C-alpha cells in the first residue's frame, strides 16, 4: 500500500524515482530515530526515578 503514490512517483524517469525513494527512506529513518531516541530518554529517566525511589525505601 502506497500512501503518497503521486508524490513518490512524481519524477518521470526511473533513475530519478530511485534517487527520490532513497532520499525519502533516509529522511524517514532520521525522523524515526529522532522519535525513538526521545521516547527512549523518557523511558530511561522514568526507570531511573523509579529505581531511586526503591533504593530510598531500603
PDB file of N, CA and C in Angstrom:
ATOM      1  N   UNK A   1       0.851  -1.169   0.000  1.00  0.00           N
ATOM      2  CA  UNK A   1       0.000   0.000   0.000  1.00  0.00           C
ATOM      3  C   UNK A   1       0.898   1.234   0.000  1.00  0.00           C
ATOM      4  N   UNK A   2       0.646   2.121  -0.911  1.00  0.00           N
ATOM      5  CA  UNK A   2       1.427   3.349  -1.007  1.00  0.00           C
ATOM      6  C   UNK A   2       0.515   4.515  -0.653  1.00  0.00           C
ATOM      7  N   UNK A   3       0.896   5.267   0.378  1.00  0.00           N
ATOM      8  CA  UNK A   3       0.065   6.370   0.832  1.00  0.00           C
ATOM      9  C   UNK A   3       0.242   7.616  -0.026  1.00  0.00           C
ATOM     10  N   UNK A   4       1.461   7.866  -0.489  1.00  0.00           N
ATOM     11  CA  UNK A   4       1.756   9.079  -1.248  1.00  0.00           C
ATOM     12  C   UNK A   4       2.240   8.716  -2.650  1.00  0.00           C
ATOM     13  N   UNK A   5       1.441   7.978  -3.363  1.00  0.00           N
ATOM     14  CA  UNK A   5       1.850   7.458  -4.672  1.00  0.00           C
ATOM     15  C   UNK A   5       2.191   8.580  -5.646  1.00  0.00           C
ATOM     16  N   UNK A   6       1.366   9.601  -5.711  1.00  0.00           N
ATOM     17  CA  UNK A   6       1.628  10.697  -6.645  1.00  0.00           C
ATOM     18  C   UNK A   6       2.884  11.470  -6.261  1.00  0.00           C
ATOM     19  N   UNK A   7       3.143  11.574  -4.967  1.00  0.00           N
ATOM     20  CA  UNK A   7       4.306  12.320  -4.508  1.00  0.00           C
ATOM     21  C   UNK A   7       5.582  11.518  -4.726  1.00  0.00           C
ATOM     22  N   UNK A   8       5.528  10.225  -4.464  1.00  0.00           N
ATOM     23  CA  UNK A   8       6.710   9.374  -4.608  1.00  0.00           C
ATOM     24  C   UNK A   8       7.100   9.233  -6.078  1.00  0.00           C
ATOM     25  N   UNK A   9       6.122   9.040  -6.916  1.00  0.00           N
ATOM     26  CA  UNK A   9       6.405   8.811  -8.330  1.00  0.00           C
ATOM     27  C   UNK A   9       6.248  10.071  -9.167  1.00  0.00           C
ATOM     28  N   UNK A  10       6.432  11.248  -8.557  1.00  0.00           N
ATOM     29  CA  UNK A  10       6.336  12.496  -9.314  1.00  0.00           C
ATOM     30  C   UNK A  10       7.456  12.654 -10.345  1.00  0.00           C
ATOM     31  N   UNK A  11       8.695  12.177 -10.066  1.00  0.00           N
ATOM     32  CA  UNK A  11       9.700  12.203 -11.137  1.00  0.00           C
ATOM     33  C   UNK A  11       9.284  11.266 -12.284  1.00  0.00           C
ATOM     34  N   UNK A  12       9.655  11.623 -13.491  1.00  0.00           N
ATOM     35  CA  UNK A  12       9.199  10.861 -14.664  1.00  0.00           C
ATOM     36  C   UNK A  12      10.131   9.721 -15.053  1.00  0.00           C
ATOM     37  N   UNK A  13      11.392   9.788 -14.665  1.00  0.00           N
ATOM     38  CA  UNK A  13      12.361   8.793 -15.108  1.00  0.00           C
ATOM     39  C   UNK A  13      12.722   7.836 -13.971  1.00  0.00           C
ATOM     40  N   UNK A  14      12.983   6.570 -14.290  1.00  0.00           N
ATOM     41  CA  UNK A  14      13.239   5.560 -13.251  1.00  0.00           C
ATOM     42  C   UNK A  14      14.426   5.891 -12.338  1.00  0.00           C
ATOM     43  N   UNK A  15      15.508   6.422 -12.878  1.00  0.00           N
ATOM     44  CA  UNK A  15      16.655   6.747 -12.029  1.00  0.00           C
ATOM     45  C   UNK A  15      16.328   7.880 -11.065  1.00  0.00           C
ATOM     46  N   UNK A  16      15.536   8.836 -11.508  1.00  0.00           N
ATOM     47  CA  UNK A  16      15.122   9.906 -10.607  1.00  0.00           C
ATOM     48  C   UNK A  16      14.186   9.381  -9.522  1.00  0.00           C
ATOM     49  N   UNK A  17      13.315   8.451  -9.900  1.00  0.00           N
ATOM     50  CA  UNK A  17      12.425   7.838  -8.907  1.00  0.00           C
ATOM     51  C   UNK A  17      13.256   7.080  -7.871  1.00  0.00           C
ATOM     52  N   UNK A  18      14.263   6.339  -8.319  1.00  0.00           N
ATOM     53  CA  UNK A  18      15.134   5.603  -7.402  1.00  0.00           C
ATOM     54  C   UNK A  18      15.847   6.554  -6.446  1.00  0.00           C
ATOM     55  N   UNK A  19      16.426   7.606  -6.979  1.00  0.00           N
ATOM     56  CA  UNK A  19      17.110   8.588  -6.135  1.00  0.00           C
ATOM     57  C   UNK A  19      16.163   9.243  -5.144  1.00  0.00           C
ATOM     58  N   UNK A  20      14.963   9.580  -5.613  1.00  0.00           N
ATOM     59  CA  UNK A  20      13.956  10.211  -4.756  1.00  0.00           C
ATOM     60  C   UNK A  20      13.528   9.253  -3.644  1.00  0.00           C
ATOM     61  N   UNK A  21      13.358   7.969  -3.965  1.00  0.00           N
ATOM     62  CA  UNK A  21      12.989   6.986  -2.950  1.00  0.00           C
ATOM     63  C   UNK A  21      14.093   6.815  -1.906  1.00  0.00           C
ATOM     64  N   UNK A  22      15.344   6.856  -2.343  1.00  0.00           N
ATOM     65  CA  UNK A  22      16.461   6.762  -1.398  1.00  0.00           C
ATOM     66  C   UNK A  22      16.455   7.961  -0.457  1.00  0.00           C
ATOM     67  N   UNK A  23      16.244   9.152  -1.006  1.00  0.00           N
ATOM     68  CA  UNK A  23      16.176  10.358  -0.172  1.00  0.00           C
ATOM     69  C   UNK A  23      15.034  10.259   0.825  1.00  0.00           C
ATOM     70  N   UNK A  24      13.872   9.806   0.370  1.00  0.00           N
ATOM     71  CA  UNK A  24      12.725   9.667   1.264  1.00  0.00           C
ATOM     72  C   UNK A  24      12.985   8.637   2.361  1.00  0.00           C
ATOM     73  N   UNK A  25      13.630   7.531   2.006  1.00  0.00           N
ATOM     74  CA  UNK A  25      13.929   6.493   3.003  1.00  0.00           C
ATOM     75  C   UNK A  25      14.912   6.995   4.050  1.00  0.00           C
ATOM     76  N   UNK A  26      15.939   7.702   3.631  1.00  0.00           N
ATOM     77  CA  UNK A  26      16.924   8.222   4.582  1.00  0.00           C
ATOM     78  C   UNK A  26      16.273   9.271   5.489  1.00  0.00           C
ATOM     79  N   UNK A  27      15.480  10.150   4.913  1.00  0.00           N
ATOM     80  CA  UNK A  27      14.801  11.170   5.717  1.00  0.00           C
ATOM     81  C   UNK A  27      13.850  10.527   6.719  1.00  0.00           C
ATOM     82  N   UNK A  28      13.124   9.522   6.286  1.00  0.00           N
ATOM     83  CA  UNK A  28      12.204   8.825   7.190  1.00  0.00           C
ATOM     84  C   UNK A  28      12.954   8.128   8.311  1.00  0.00           C
ATOM     85  N   UNK A  29      14.107   7.541   8.010  1.00  0.00           N
ATOM     86  CA  UNK A  29      14.876   6.863   9.061  1.00  0.00           C
ATOM     87  C   UNK A  29      15.388   7.868  10.090  1.00  0.00           C
ATOM     88  N   UNK A  30      15.795   9.062   9.656  1.00  0.00           N
ATOM     89  CA  UNK A  30      16.216  10.086  10.609  1.00  0.00           C
ATOM     90  C   UNK A  30      15.058  10.515  11.497  1.00  0.00           C
ATOM     91  N   UNK A  31      13.885  10.677  10.930  1.00  0.00           N
ATOM     92  CA  UNK A  31      12.708  11.075  11.708  1.00  0.00           C
ATOM     93  C   UNK A  31      12.353   9.993  12.725  1.00  0.00           C
ATOM     94  N   UNK A  32      12.368   8.743  12.294  1.00  0.00           N
ATOM     95  CA  UNK A  32      12.048   7.638  13.204  1.00  0.00           C
ATOM     96  C   UNK A  32      13.085   7.543  14.324  1.00  0.00           C
ATOM     97  N   UNK A  33      14.368   7.682  14.004  1.00  0.00           N
ATOM     98  CA  UNK A  33      15.409   7.641  15.035  1.00  0.00           C
ATOM     99  C   UNK A  33      15.281   8.796  16.016  1.00  0.00           C
ATOM    100  N   UNK A  34      14.905   9.982  15.538  1.00  0.00           N
ATOM    101  CA  UNK A  34      14.705  11.132  16.412  1.00  0.00           C
ATOM    102  C   UNK A  34      13.578  10.859  17.403  1.00  0.00           C
ATOM    103  N   UNK A  35      12.476  10.319  16.921  1.00  0.00           N
ATOM    104  CA  UNK A  35      11.345   9.981  17.790  1.00  0.00           C
ATOM    105  C   UNK A  35      11.742   8.868  18.756  1.00  0.00           C
ATOM    106  N   UNK A  36      12.431   7.849  18.255  1.00  0.00           N
ATOM    107  CA  UNK A  36      12.857   6.710  19.076  1.00  0.00           C
ATOM    108  C   UNK A  36      13.757   7.162  20.220  1.00  0.00           C
ATOM    109  N   UNK A  37      14.731   8.016  19.909  1.00  0.00           N
ATOM    110  CA  UNK A  37      15.655   8.472  20.947  1.00  0.00           C
ATOM    111  C   UNK A  37      14.930   9.308  21.999  1.00  0.00           C
ATOM    112  N   UNK A  38      13.960  10.107  21.588  1.00  0.00           N
ATOM    113  CA  UNK A  38      13.185  10.888  22.547  1.00  0.00           C
ATOM    114  C   UNK A  38      12.379  10.008  23.481  1.00  0.00           C
ATOM    115  N   UNK A  39      11.715   9.013  22.924  1.00  0.00           N
ATOM    116  CA  UNK A  39      10.930   8.083  23.738  1.00  0.00           C
ATOM    117  C   UNK A  39      11.847   7.286  24.656  1.00  0.00           C
ATOM    118  N   UNK A  40      12.993   6.873  24.154  1.00  0.00           N
ATOM    119  CA  UNK A  40      13.941   6.107  24.958  1.00  0.00           C
ATOM    120  C   UNK A  40      14.452   6.933  26.140  1.00  0.00           C
ATOM    121  N   UNK A  41      14.733   8.221  25.929  1.00  0.00           N
ATOM    122  CA  UNK A  41      15.173   9.080  27.025  1.00  0.00           C
ATOM    123  C   UNK A  41      14.097   9.190  28.092  1.00  0.00           C
ATOM    124  N   UNK A  42      12.843   9.316  27.672  1.00  0.00           N
ATOM    125  CA  UNK A  42      11.737   9.409  28.630  1.00  0.00           C
ATOM    126  C   UNK A  42      11.628   8.121  29.434  1.00  0.00           C
ATOM    127  N   UNK A  43      11.723   6.988  28.774  1.00  0.00           N
ATOM    128  CA  UNK A  43      11.613   5.697  29.462  1.00  0.00           C
ATOM    129  C   UNK A  43      12.777   5.501  30.429  1.00  0.00           C
ATOM    130  N   UNK A  44      13.978   5.827  30.003  1.00  0.00           N
ATOM    131  CA  UNK A  44      15.148   5.657  30.868  1.00  0.00           C
ATOM    132  C   UNK A  44      15.046   6.570  32.085  1.00  0.00           C
ATOM    133  N   UNK A  45      14.628   7.816  31.893  1.00  0.00           N
ATOM    134  CA  UNK A  45      14.505   8.717  33.042  1.00  0.00           C
ATOM    135  C   UNK A  45      13.437   8.212  34.003  1.00  0.00           C
ATOM    136  N   UNK A  46      12.362   7.633  33.495  1.00  0.00           N
ATOM    137  CA  UNK A  46      11.326   7.066  34.356  1.00  0.00           C
ATOM    138  C   UNK A  46      11.875   5.886  35.151  1.00  0.00           C
ATOM    139  N   UNK A  47      12.616   5.008  34.501  1.00  0.00           N
ATOM    140  CA  UNK A  47      13.185   3.841  35.180  1.00  0.00           C
ATOM    141  C   UNK A  47      14.178   4.276  36.244  1.00  0.00           C
ATOM    142  N   UNK A  48      14.998   5.267  35.941  1.00  0.00           N
ATOM    143  CA  UNK A  48      15.978   5.750  36.911  1.00  0.00           C
ATOM    144  C   UNK A  48      15.262   6.345  38.122  1.00  0.00           C
ATOM    145  N   UNK A  49      14.208   7.118  37.883  1.00  0.00           N
ATOM    146  CA  UNK A  49      13.490   7.722  39.012  1.00  0.00           C
ATOM    147  C   UNK A  49      12.799   6.649  39.858  1.00  0.00           C
ATOM    148  N   UNK A  50      12.261   5.617  39.230  1.00  0.00           N
ATOM    149  CA  UNK A  50      11.641   4.526  39.983  1.00  0.00           C
ATOM    150  C   UNK A  50      12.688   3.783  40.793  1.00  0.00           C
ATOM    151  N   UNK A  51      13.850   3.538  40.199  1.00  0.00           N
ATOM    152  CA  UNK A  51      14.922   2.840  40.918  1.00  0.00           C
ATOM    153  C   UNK A  51      15.420   3.662  42.097  1.00  0.00           C
ATOM    154  N   UNK A  52      15.509   4.973  41.929  1.00  0.00           N
ATOM    155  CA  UNK A  52      15.947   5.830  43.036  1.00  0.00           C
ATOM    156  C   UNK A  52      14.942   5.775  44.183  1.00  0.00           C
ATOM    157  N   UNK A  53      13.649   5.748  43.856  1.00  0.00           N
ATOM    158  CA  UNK A  53      12.658   5.705  44.919  1.00  0.00           C
ATOM    159  C   UNK A  53      12.677   4.336  45.618  1.00  0.00           C
ATOM    160  N   UNK A  54      12.964   3.286  44.898  1.00  0.00           N
ATOM    161  CA  UNK A  54      13.056   1.951  45.516  1.00  0.00           C
ATOM    162  C   UNK A  54      14.265   1.880  46.430  1.00  0.00           C
ATOM    163  N   UNK A  55      15.389   2.448  46.008  1.00  0.00           N
ATOM    164  CA  UNK A  55      16.606   2.422  46.817  1.00  0.00           C
ATOM    165  C   UNK A  55      16.396   3.238  48.095  1.00  0.00           C
ATOM    166  N   UNK A  56      15.676   4.345  48.042  1.00  0.00           N
ATOM    167  CA  UNK A  56      15.431   5.181  49.215  1.00  0.00           C
ATOM    168  C   UNK A  56      14.609   4.433  50.261  1.00  0.00           C
ATOM    169  N   UNK A  57      13.768   3.525  49.847  1.00  0.00           N
ATOM    170  CA  UNK A  57      12.924   2.773  50.774  1.00  0.00           C
ATOM    171  C   UNK A  57      13.744   1.811  51.624  1.00  0.00           C
ATOM    172  N   UNK A  58      14.860   1.346  51.104  1.00  0.00           N
ATOM    173  CA  UNK A  58      15.671   0.385  51.857  1.00  0.00           C
ATOM    174  C   UNK A  58      16.569   1.152  52.720  1.00  0.00           C
TER     175      UNK A  58
END
